[in-house]
N, C-alpha and C. Protein backbone atom coordinates (compact mmCIF):
# COMPACT_ATOMS: atom_id res chain seq x y z
N MET A 1 108.93 202.75 114.76
CA MET A 1 109.89 201.75 114.37
C MET A 1 110.72 202.29 113.21
N SER A 2 111.92 201.99 113.28
CA SER A 2 112.80 202.49 112.23
C SER A 2 112.74 201.58 111.02
N GLU A 3 113.10 202.11 109.92
CA GLU A 3 113.10 201.34 108.67
C GLU A 3 114.25 200.36 108.67
N PRO A 4 113.97 199.07 108.39
CA PRO A 4 115.05 198.09 108.33
C PRO A 4 115.84 198.29 107.05
N PRO A 5 117.11 197.92 107.10
CA PRO A 5 117.89 198.01 105.88
C PRO A 5 117.30 197.09 104.81
N GLU A 6 117.44 197.46 103.57
CA GLU A 6 116.82 196.70 102.50
C GLU A 6 117.44 195.33 102.28
N ASP A 7 118.59 195.10 102.81
CA ASP A 7 119.21 193.80 102.63
C ASP A 7 118.86 192.83 103.76
N ASP A 8 118.10 193.25 104.76
CA ASP A 8 117.70 192.35 105.86
C ASP A 8 116.31 191.80 105.54
N ASP A 9 116.27 190.66 104.88
CA ASP A 9 115.01 190.05 104.46
C ASP A 9 114.10 189.69 105.62
N ALA A 10 114.66 189.16 106.71
CA ALA A 10 113.85 188.76 107.85
C ALA A 10 113.17 189.96 108.47
N ALA A 11 113.90 191.05 108.57
CA ALA A 11 113.32 192.26 109.16
C ALA A 11 112.23 192.81 108.25
N LEU A 12 112.46 192.78 106.95
CA LEU A 12 111.45 193.24 106.01
C LEU A 12 110.18 192.38 106.11
N PHE A 13 110.35 191.08 106.26
CA PHE A 13 109.21 190.18 106.38
C PHE A 13 108.41 190.49 107.64
N ARG A 14 109.08 190.66 108.80
CA ARG A 14 108.38 190.97 110.04
C ARG A 14 107.62 192.29 109.93
N GLN A 15 108.21 193.27 109.27
CA GLN A 15 107.55 194.55 109.10
C GLN A 15 106.32 194.41 108.22
N ALA A 16 106.41 193.56 107.20
CA ALA A 16 105.30 193.40 106.27
C ALA A 16 104.10 192.70 106.91
N ILE A 17 104.33 191.75 107.76
CA ILE A 17 103.19 191.01 108.32
C ILE A 17 102.68 191.63 109.61
N GLY A 18 103.41 192.41 110.24
CA GLY A 18 102.97 193.08 111.44
C GLY A 18 103.11 192.20 112.67
N GLU A 19 102.30 192.60 113.68
CA GLU A 19 102.39 191.88 114.95
C GLU A 19 101.80 190.48 114.80
N VAL A 20 102.41 189.51 115.43
CA VAL A 20 101.92 188.12 115.37
C VAL A 20 101.50 187.67 116.75
N LYS A 21 100.51 186.83 116.78
CA LYS A 21 100.02 186.27 118.04
C LYS A 21 100.38 184.79 118.05
N PRO A 22 101.13 184.35 119.06
CA PRO A 22 101.52 182.94 119.07
C PRO A 22 100.28 182.03 119.23
N LEU A 23 100.33 180.90 118.58
CA LEU A 23 99.24 179.91 118.68
C LEU A 23 99.39 179.12 119.98
N ALA A 24 98.25 178.69 120.45
CA ALA A 24 98.27 177.84 121.65
C ALA A 24 98.88 176.49 121.27
N ASP A 25 99.45 175.83 122.28
CA ASP A 25 100.04 174.51 122.01
C ASP A 25 98.94 173.55 121.56
N ALA A 26 99.18 172.92 120.45
CA ALA A 26 98.20 171.97 119.92
C ALA A 26 98.39 170.60 120.58
N ALA A 27 97.27 169.88 120.70
CA ALA A 27 97.34 168.52 121.24
C ALA A 27 98.13 167.65 120.27
N PRO A 28 98.87 166.67 120.80
CA PRO A 28 99.62 165.81 119.89
C PRO A 28 98.66 165.04 118.98
N PRO A 29 99.09 164.72 117.78
CA PRO A 29 98.20 163.98 116.87
C PRO A 29 97.86 162.61 117.46
N PRO A 30 96.67 162.11 117.14
CA PRO A 30 96.28 160.80 117.70
C PRO A 30 97.21 159.71 117.19
N ARG A 31 97.50 158.79 118.08
CA ARG A 31 98.36 157.66 117.70
C ARG A 31 97.49 156.41 117.55
N ARG A 32 98.00 155.51 116.77
CA ARG A 32 97.34 154.22 116.65
C ARG A 32 97.44 153.53 118.01
N PRO A 33 96.36 152.89 118.48
CA PRO A 33 96.43 152.24 119.79
C PRO A 33 97.51 151.15 119.80
N ARG A 34 98.17 151.03 120.92
CA ARG A 34 99.22 150.03 121.04
C ARG A 34 98.58 148.64 121.01
N PRO A 35 99.24 147.70 120.38
CA PRO A 35 98.67 146.34 120.36
C PRO A 35 98.67 145.74 121.76
N ARG A 36 97.69 144.87 121.97
CA ARG A 36 97.62 144.19 123.26
C ARG A 36 98.86 143.31 123.41
N PRO A 37 99.37 143.24 124.62
CA PRO A 37 100.57 142.40 124.80
C PRO A 37 100.23 140.94 124.53
N ALA A 38 101.14 140.26 123.87
CA ALA A 38 100.95 138.84 123.57
C ALA A 38 101.53 138.01 124.71
N ALA A 39 100.82 136.97 125.05
CA ALA A 39 101.29 136.05 126.09
C ALA A 39 102.26 135.07 125.44
N ARG A 40 103.46 135.55 125.16
CA ARG A 40 104.42 134.73 124.42
C ARG A 40 104.82 133.48 125.18
N MET A 41 104.98 133.59 126.49
CA MET A 41 105.38 132.42 127.27
C MET A 41 104.27 131.37 127.24
N ALA A 42 103.03 131.82 127.37
CA ALA A 42 101.91 130.87 127.32
C ALA A 42 101.82 130.22 125.95
N GLU A 43 102.03 131.02 124.90
CA GLU A 43 102.00 130.47 123.54
C GLU A 43 103.13 129.46 123.35
N ARG A 44 104.32 129.79 123.87
CA ARG A 44 105.45 128.87 123.76
C ARG A 44 105.20 127.59 124.53
N ASP A 45 104.59 127.73 125.74
CA ASP A 45 104.26 126.54 126.53
C ASP A 45 103.26 125.66 125.78
N GLU A 46 102.29 126.30 125.13
CA GLU A 46 101.28 125.56 124.37
C GLU A 46 101.94 124.80 123.21
N VAL A 47 102.84 125.47 122.50
CA VAL A 47 103.55 124.82 121.39
C VAL A 47 104.39 123.66 121.92
N ASP A 48 105.09 123.88 123.05
CA ASP A 48 105.91 122.82 123.63
C ASP A 48 105.04 121.63 124.04
N ALA A 49 103.89 121.92 124.65
CA ALA A 49 103.00 120.85 125.08
C ALA A 49 102.47 120.06 123.88
N ARG A 50 102.10 120.79 122.84
CA ARG A 50 101.60 120.10 121.64
C ARG A 50 102.69 119.25 121.00
N SER A 51 103.92 119.77 120.95
CA SER A 51 104.98 118.99 120.33
C SER A 51 105.32 117.78 121.20
N GLU A 52 105.26 117.96 122.52
CA GLU A 52 105.49 116.83 123.43
C GLU A 52 104.40 115.77 123.21
N PHE A 53 103.16 116.24 123.09
CA PHE A 53 102.04 115.34 122.84
C PHE A 53 102.22 114.62 121.51
N GLN A 54 102.63 115.37 120.48
CA GLN A 54 102.83 114.76 119.16
C GLN A 54 103.95 113.74 119.20
N ARG A 55 105.05 114.05 119.95
CA ARG A 55 106.13 113.07 120.07
C ARG A 55 105.62 111.80 120.73
N GLY A 56 104.74 111.97 121.72
CA GLY A 56 104.14 110.80 122.38
C GLY A 56 103.33 109.98 121.40
N LEU A 57 102.61 110.67 120.51
CA LEU A 57 101.83 109.96 119.50
C LEU A 57 102.74 109.26 118.50
N ASP A 58 103.81 109.94 118.13
CA ASP A 58 104.74 109.36 117.16
C ASP A 58 105.40 108.11 117.73
N ASP A 59 105.61 108.10 119.06
CA ASP A 59 106.23 106.95 119.70
C ASP A 59 105.30 105.74 119.69
N LEU A 60 104.00 106.00 119.68
CA LEU A 60 103.04 104.91 119.66
C LEU A 60 102.85 104.44 118.22
N ALA A 61 103.00 103.18 118.02
CA ALA A 61 102.74 102.64 116.69
C ALA A 61 101.23 102.63 116.48
N LEU A 62 100.79 103.00 115.30
CA LEU A 62 99.36 103.01 115.02
C LEU A 62 98.85 101.58 114.96
N LEU A 63 97.66 101.40 115.51
CA LEU A 63 97.05 100.08 115.58
C LEU A 63 96.32 99.77 114.29
N GLU A 64 96.35 98.52 113.92
CA GLU A 64 95.60 98.04 112.76
C GLU A 64 94.24 97.52 113.25
N ALA A 65 93.35 97.19 112.32
CA ALA A 65 91.99 96.79 112.66
C ALA A 65 91.94 95.60 113.62
N GLY A 66 92.76 94.59 113.42
CA GLY A 66 92.69 93.39 114.25
C GLY A 66 93.58 93.42 115.48
N ASP A 67 94.34 94.51 115.68
CA ASP A 67 95.25 94.60 116.83
C ASP A 67 94.47 94.70 118.15
N VAL A 68 95.08 94.15 119.18
CA VAL A 68 94.48 94.17 120.52
C VAL A 68 94.94 95.43 121.24
N LEU A 69 93.98 96.13 121.87
CA LEU A 69 94.31 97.25 122.75
C LEU A 69 94.67 96.68 124.10
N SER A 70 95.77 97.12 124.68
CA SER A 70 96.19 96.59 125.96
C SER A 70 97.06 97.62 126.68
N PHE A 71 96.70 97.89 127.94
CA PHE A 71 97.44 98.84 128.75
C PHE A 71 97.21 98.51 130.22
N ARG A 72 98.28 98.57 131.00
CA ARG A 72 98.17 98.32 132.45
C ARG A 72 99.16 99.21 133.18
N ARG A 73 98.66 99.93 134.17
CA ARG A 73 99.56 100.72 135.03
C ARG A 73 100.32 99.76 135.94
N ASP A 74 101.48 100.21 136.40
CA ASP A 74 102.33 99.35 137.22
C ASP A 74 101.68 98.91 138.52
N ASN A 75 100.77 99.73 139.07
CA ASN A 75 100.15 99.39 140.34
C ASN A 75 98.97 98.42 140.22
N VAL A 76 98.64 98.01 139.01
CA VAL A 76 97.56 97.03 138.80
C VAL A 76 98.18 95.63 138.82
N PRO A 77 97.74 94.79 139.75
CA PRO A 77 98.31 93.44 139.82
C PRO A 77 98.05 92.63 138.54
N PRO A 78 99.00 91.82 138.13
CA PRO A 78 98.82 91.02 136.91
C PRO A 78 97.56 90.16 136.94
N ARG A 79 97.20 89.67 138.10
CA ARG A 79 95.99 88.82 138.22
C ARG A 79 94.73 89.62 137.88
N VAL A 80 94.66 90.86 138.33
CA VAL A 80 93.51 91.71 138.04
C VAL A 80 93.47 92.02 136.54
N PHE A 81 94.63 92.28 135.97
CA PHE A 81 94.69 92.56 134.53
C PHE A 81 94.26 91.33 133.73
N GLN A 82 94.66 90.16 134.18
CA GLN A 82 94.27 88.92 133.50
C GLN A 82 92.75 88.73 133.54
N ARG A 83 92.14 89.07 134.67
CA ARG A 83 90.67 88.99 134.78
C ARG A 83 90.00 89.97 133.82
N LEU A 84 90.58 91.17 133.68
CA LEU A 84 90.04 92.16 132.75
C LEU A 84 90.16 91.63 131.32
N ARG A 85 91.30 91.08 131.00
CA ARG A 85 91.55 90.55 129.65
C ARG A 85 90.56 89.44 129.29
N LYS A 86 90.19 88.64 130.27
CA LYS A 86 89.25 87.54 130.04
C LYS A 86 87.79 87.99 130.08
N GLY A 87 87.56 89.27 130.41
CA GLY A 87 86.19 89.79 130.45
C GLY A 87 85.44 89.38 131.70
N GLN A 88 86.15 89.15 132.79
CA GLN A 88 85.51 88.69 134.03
C GLN A 88 84.97 89.83 134.88
N PHE A 89 85.15 91.06 134.47
CA PHE A 89 84.53 92.20 135.15
C PHE A 89 83.29 92.58 134.36
N SER A 90 82.21 92.87 135.06
CA SER A 90 81.00 93.29 134.34
C SER A 90 81.08 94.80 134.09
N ALA A 91 80.78 95.17 132.88
CA ALA A 91 80.80 96.59 132.52
C ALA A 91 79.56 97.26 133.09
N GLN A 92 79.78 98.36 133.81
CA GLN A 92 78.68 99.06 134.45
C GLN A 92 78.06 100.11 133.54
N ASP A 93 78.72 100.41 132.45
CA ASP A 93 78.18 101.35 131.47
C ASP A 93 78.89 101.08 130.14
N GLU A 94 78.29 101.59 129.06
CA GLU A 94 78.83 101.32 127.74
C GLU A 94 78.67 102.54 126.85
N LEU A 95 79.67 102.78 126.00
CA LEU A 95 79.63 103.86 125.03
C LEU A 95 79.88 103.27 123.66
N ASP A 96 78.98 103.55 122.71
CA ASP A 96 79.14 103.06 121.34
C ASP A 96 79.50 104.24 120.44
N LEU A 97 80.69 104.21 119.86
CA LEU A 97 81.19 105.31 119.03
C LEU A 97 81.00 105.07 117.54
N HIS A 98 80.33 103.98 117.15
CA HIS A 98 80.12 103.69 115.72
C HIS A 98 79.51 104.90 115.02
N GLY A 99 80.07 105.25 113.87
CA GLY A 99 79.51 106.32 113.05
C GLY A 99 79.92 107.72 113.47
N ALA A 100 80.62 107.88 114.58
CA ALA A 100 81.04 109.21 115.02
C ALA A 100 82.31 109.63 114.29
N THR A 101 82.43 110.92 114.06
CA THR A 101 83.69 111.44 113.52
C THR A 101 84.71 111.43 114.66
N ALA A 102 85.97 111.64 114.34
CA ALA A 102 87.00 111.65 115.37
C ALA A 102 86.75 112.75 116.39
N THR A 103 86.33 113.91 115.93
CA THR A 103 86.05 115.03 116.85
C THR A 103 84.87 114.71 117.75
N GLU A 104 83.80 114.18 117.17
CA GLU A 104 82.63 113.80 117.98
C GLU A 104 83.00 112.70 118.95
N ALA A 105 83.75 111.71 118.48
CA ALA A 105 84.13 110.59 119.33
C ALA A 105 84.97 111.05 120.51
N GLU A 106 85.88 111.97 120.27
CA GLU A 106 86.72 112.47 121.36
C GLU A 106 85.86 113.17 122.41
N ARG A 107 84.94 114.03 121.96
CA ARG A 107 84.05 114.73 122.89
C ARG A 107 83.18 113.74 123.66
N LEU A 108 82.59 112.77 122.96
CA LEU A 108 81.74 111.77 123.60
C LEU A 108 82.53 110.93 124.61
N LEU A 109 83.73 110.54 124.23
CA LEU A 109 84.56 109.72 125.12
C LEU A 109 84.94 110.48 126.37
N ARG A 110 85.36 111.73 126.22
CA ARG A 110 85.72 112.53 127.40
C ARG A 110 84.52 112.70 128.33
N GLN A 111 83.35 112.99 127.76
CA GLN A 111 82.15 113.16 128.58
C GLN A 111 81.78 111.84 129.26
N PHE A 112 81.85 110.75 128.53
CA PHE A 112 81.53 109.44 129.08
C PHE A 112 82.45 109.10 130.25
N MET A 113 83.73 109.37 130.09
CA MET A 113 84.69 109.06 131.16
C MET A 113 84.44 109.93 132.39
N LEU A 114 84.08 111.19 132.19
CA LEU A 114 83.75 112.05 133.33
C LEU A 114 82.54 111.51 134.09
N GLU A 115 81.52 111.10 133.35
CA GLU A 115 80.32 110.55 133.98
C GLU A 115 80.61 109.22 134.66
N ALA A 116 81.40 108.38 134.05
CA ALA A 116 81.76 107.09 134.66
C ALA A 116 82.52 107.31 135.96
N HIS A 117 83.41 108.28 135.95
CA HIS A 117 84.17 108.60 137.16
C HIS A 117 83.25 109.17 138.23
N ALA A 118 82.33 110.05 137.82
CA ALA A 118 81.40 110.66 138.78
C ALA A 118 80.48 109.62 139.41
N HIS A 119 80.08 108.60 138.63
CA HIS A 119 79.22 107.54 139.15
C HIS A 119 80.01 106.42 139.82
N GLU A 120 81.33 106.59 139.86
CA GLU A 120 82.24 105.62 140.48
C GLU A 120 82.11 104.22 139.90
N HIS A 121 82.00 104.17 138.57
CA HIS A 121 81.98 102.86 137.91
C HIS A 121 83.38 102.25 137.99
N GLY A 122 83.42 100.94 138.16
CA GLY A 122 84.70 100.25 138.23
C GLY A 122 85.18 99.77 136.88
N CYS A 123 84.22 99.44 135.99
CA CYS A 123 84.57 98.92 134.67
C CYS A 123 83.53 99.40 133.66
N VAL A 124 84.01 99.86 132.50
CA VAL A 124 83.12 100.29 131.42
C VAL A 124 83.60 99.68 130.11
N ARG A 125 82.68 99.63 129.14
CA ARG A 125 83.03 99.11 127.81
C ARG A 125 82.85 100.24 126.80
N ILE A 126 83.83 100.37 125.93
CA ILE A 126 83.77 101.36 124.86
C ILE A 126 83.84 100.61 123.55
N ILE A 127 82.82 100.80 122.73
CA ILE A 127 82.77 100.14 121.41
C ILE A 127 83.26 101.16 120.39
N HIS A 128 84.40 100.87 119.78
CA HIS A 128 84.99 101.78 118.81
C HIS A 128 84.90 101.23 117.40
N GLY A 129 84.58 99.97 117.25
CA GLY A 129 84.53 99.34 115.93
C GLY A 129 85.92 98.90 115.50
N LYS A 130 85.96 98.16 114.42
CA LYS A 130 87.24 97.63 113.95
C LYS A 130 87.90 98.50 112.89
N GLY A 131 87.16 99.44 112.35
CA GLY A 131 87.74 100.36 111.37
C GLY A 131 88.09 99.71 110.06
N ARG A 132 87.21 98.89 109.55
CA ARG A 132 87.51 98.17 108.30
C ARG A 132 86.78 98.76 107.10
N ARG A 133 86.49 100.03 107.12
CA ARG A 133 85.80 100.65 105.99
C ARG A 133 86.67 100.62 104.75
N ASN A 134 87.95 100.78 104.94
CA ASN A 134 88.88 100.81 103.82
C ASN A 134 90.10 99.99 104.23
N GLU A 135 90.51 99.10 103.39
CA GLU A 135 91.62 98.20 103.72
C GLU A 135 92.92 98.93 104.04
N ARG A 136 93.17 100.07 103.37
CA ARG A 136 94.44 100.77 103.56
C ARG A 136 94.44 101.72 104.75
N GLU A 137 93.27 102.18 105.18
CA GLU A 137 93.21 103.17 106.25
C GLU A 137 93.38 102.53 107.61
N ILE A 138 93.91 103.32 108.53
CA ILE A 138 94.04 102.86 109.91
C ILE A 138 92.70 103.08 110.61
N PRO A 139 92.38 102.30 111.62
CA PRO A 139 91.13 102.50 112.36
C PRO A 139 91.24 103.75 113.24
N VAL A 140 90.63 104.82 112.81
CA VAL A 140 90.76 106.12 113.47
C VAL A 140 90.24 106.09 114.90
N LEU A 141 89.01 105.58 115.09
CA LEU A 141 88.41 105.60 116.42
C LEU A 141 89.17 104.69 117.39
N LYS A 142 89.63 103.57 116.91
CA LYS A 142 90.38 102.65 117.76
C LYS A 142 91.66 103.32 118.27
N ASN A 143 92.38 103.98 117.38
CA ASN A 143 93.61 104.67 117.78
C ASN A 143 93.31 105.86 118.69
N LEU A 144 92.21 106.54 118.44
CA LEU A 144 91.81 107.66 119.28
C LEU A 144 91.51 107.18 120.70
N VAL A 145 90.74 106.11 120.82
CA VAL A 145 90.40 105.55 122.13
C VAL A 145 91.67 105.12 122.86
N ASP A 146 92.56 104.43 122.17
CA ASP A 146 93.81 103.98 122.78
C ASP A 146 94.61 105.17 123.32
N ARG A 147 94.76 106.20 122.51
CA ARG A 147 95.54 107.38 122.91
C ARG A 147 94.91 108.09 124.10
N LEU A 148 93.60 108.33 124.05
CA LEU A 148 92.95 109.08 125.13
C LEU A 148 92.93 108.31 126.44
N LEU A 149 92.71 107.01 126.38
CA LEU A 149 92.66 106.23 127.61
C LEU A 149 94.03 106.18 128.29
N ARG A 150 95.09 106.12 127.51
CA ARG A 150 96.44 106.10 128.09
C ARG A 150 96.77 107.39 128.83
N GLN A 151 96.17 108.48 128.41
CA GLN A 151 96.46 109.78 129.02
C GLN A 151 95.72 110.01 130.35
N ARG A 152 94.66 109.30 130.57
CA ARG A 152 93.81 109.57 131.74
C ARG A 152 94.37 108.90 132.99
N SER A 153 94.47 109.68 134.05
CA SER A 153 94.99 109.14 135.31
C SER A 153 93.98 108.24 136.01
N ASP A 154 92.69 108.37 135.69
CA ASP A 154 91.68 107.53 136.34
C ASP A 154 91.53 106.17 135.65
N VAL A 155 92.26 105.94 134.57
CA VAL A 155 92.24 104.63 133.89
C VAL A 155 93.39 103.79 134.43
N LEU A 156 93.03 102.70 135.10
CA LEU A 156 94.04 101.80 135.65
C LEU A 156 94.57 100.83 134.60
N ALA A 157 93.65 100.34 133.77
CA ALA A 157 94.02 99.37 132.75
C ALA A 157 92.91 99.30 131.72
N PHE A 158 93.25 98.82 130.52
CA PHE A 158 92.23 98.51 129.53
C PHE A 158 92.76 97.40 128.64
N HIS A 159 91.82 96.67 128.06
CA HIS A 159 92.17 95.57 127.16
C HIS A 159 91.01 95.35 126.21
N SER A 160 91.35 94.95 124.98
CA SER A 160 90.29 94.61 124.03
C SER A 160 89.39 93.56 124.65
N ALA A 161 88.11 93.67 124.35
CA ALA A 161 87.12 92.78 124.94
C ALA A 161 87.27 91.36 124.39
N PRO A 162 86.81 90.37 125.14
CA PRO A 162 86.79 89.00 124.60
C PRO A 162 85.85 88.95 123.39
N PRO A 163 85.99 87.95 122.53
CA PRO A 163 85.16 87.88 121.32
C PRO A 163 83.66 88.00 121.57
N ALA A 164 83.16 87.43 122.66
CA ALA A 164 81.72 87.48 122.95
C ALA A 164 81.25 88.89 123.34
N GLN A 165 82.19 89.76 123.70
CA GLN A 165 81.82 91.11 124.14
C GLN A 165 82.26 92.19 123.15
N GLY A 166 82.64 91.79 121.95
CA GLY A 166 83.00 92.77 120.93
C GLY A 166 84.38 92.57 120.35
N GLY A 167 85.20 91.74 120.97
CA GLY A 167 86.54 91.46 120.44
C GLY A 167 87.38 92.71 120.28
N THR A 168 88.11 92.78 119.17
CA THR A 168 89.00 93.91 118.95
C THR A 168 88.26 95.17 118.48
N GLY A 169 86.93 95.11 118.47
CA GLY A 169 86.13 96.30 118.14
C GLY A 169 85.61 96.99 119.38
N ALA A 170 85.99 96.49 120.56
CA ALA A 170 85.55 97.09 121.82
C ALA A 170 86.68 96.95 122.83
N VAL A 171 86.61 97.75 123.87
CA VAL A 171 87.64 97.71 124.91
C VAL A 171 86.98 97.79 126.28
N LEU A 172 87.47 96.98 127.21
CA LEU A 172 87.02 97.03 128.59
C LEU A 172 88.03 97.91 129.35
N VAL A 173 87.50 98.82 130.15
CA VAL A 173 88.33 99.79 130.85
C VAL A 173 88.11 99.66 132.36
N LEU A 174 89.21 99.46 133.08
CA LEU A 174 89.17 99.37 134.54
C LEU A 174 89.50 100.76 135.09
N LEU A 175 88.59 101.30 135.90
CA LEU A 175 88.72 102.66 136.40
C LEU A 175 89.09 102.70 137.87
N ALA A 176 89.82 103.74 138.24
CA ALA A 176 90.18 103.95 139.64
C ALA A 176 88.97 104.55 140.36
N ARG A 177 88.84 104.17 141.61
CA ARG A 177 87.78 104.76 142.44
C ARG A 177 88.32 106.02 143.07
N ARG A 178 87.43 106.90 143.45
CA ARG A 178 87.87 108.15 144.09
C ARG A 178 88.50 107.90 145.42
């Protein structure tokens, strides 16, 4: 090999280090795992459903302790509803929610309604109490029962029980048969 000119730095460097062996291609550095895809549409649907549900709740005026619960679907004849209001249907099962928290009461009520439907009961009584623990507070269980019963398609009608059967602290529920 001939001597490189002294002003060619690159050539002088190559001469100084000698022959080089190229390195094998290295594997790319590890990357952070990609995040799992988010179900944005499902999340948006959930938010929309909750806001729709909340609007429905906002539309319902909250019930006070002495208020009567009353609901009738259009396909229930007025005469049948009047019989329910007077307590002329015998309750085939009963659920007492006294002392339950709202979360417990909701779970108990949903389970009770499933069982009542499975046993094909025509009428049941739900005791929610009058909610008079504090004069300023609304009756939580009463409002919960009212809201949940209105949502169920198997509930044809409901009305606060006559005084002898619990009055405004209980509700008689007329259920659809399968």
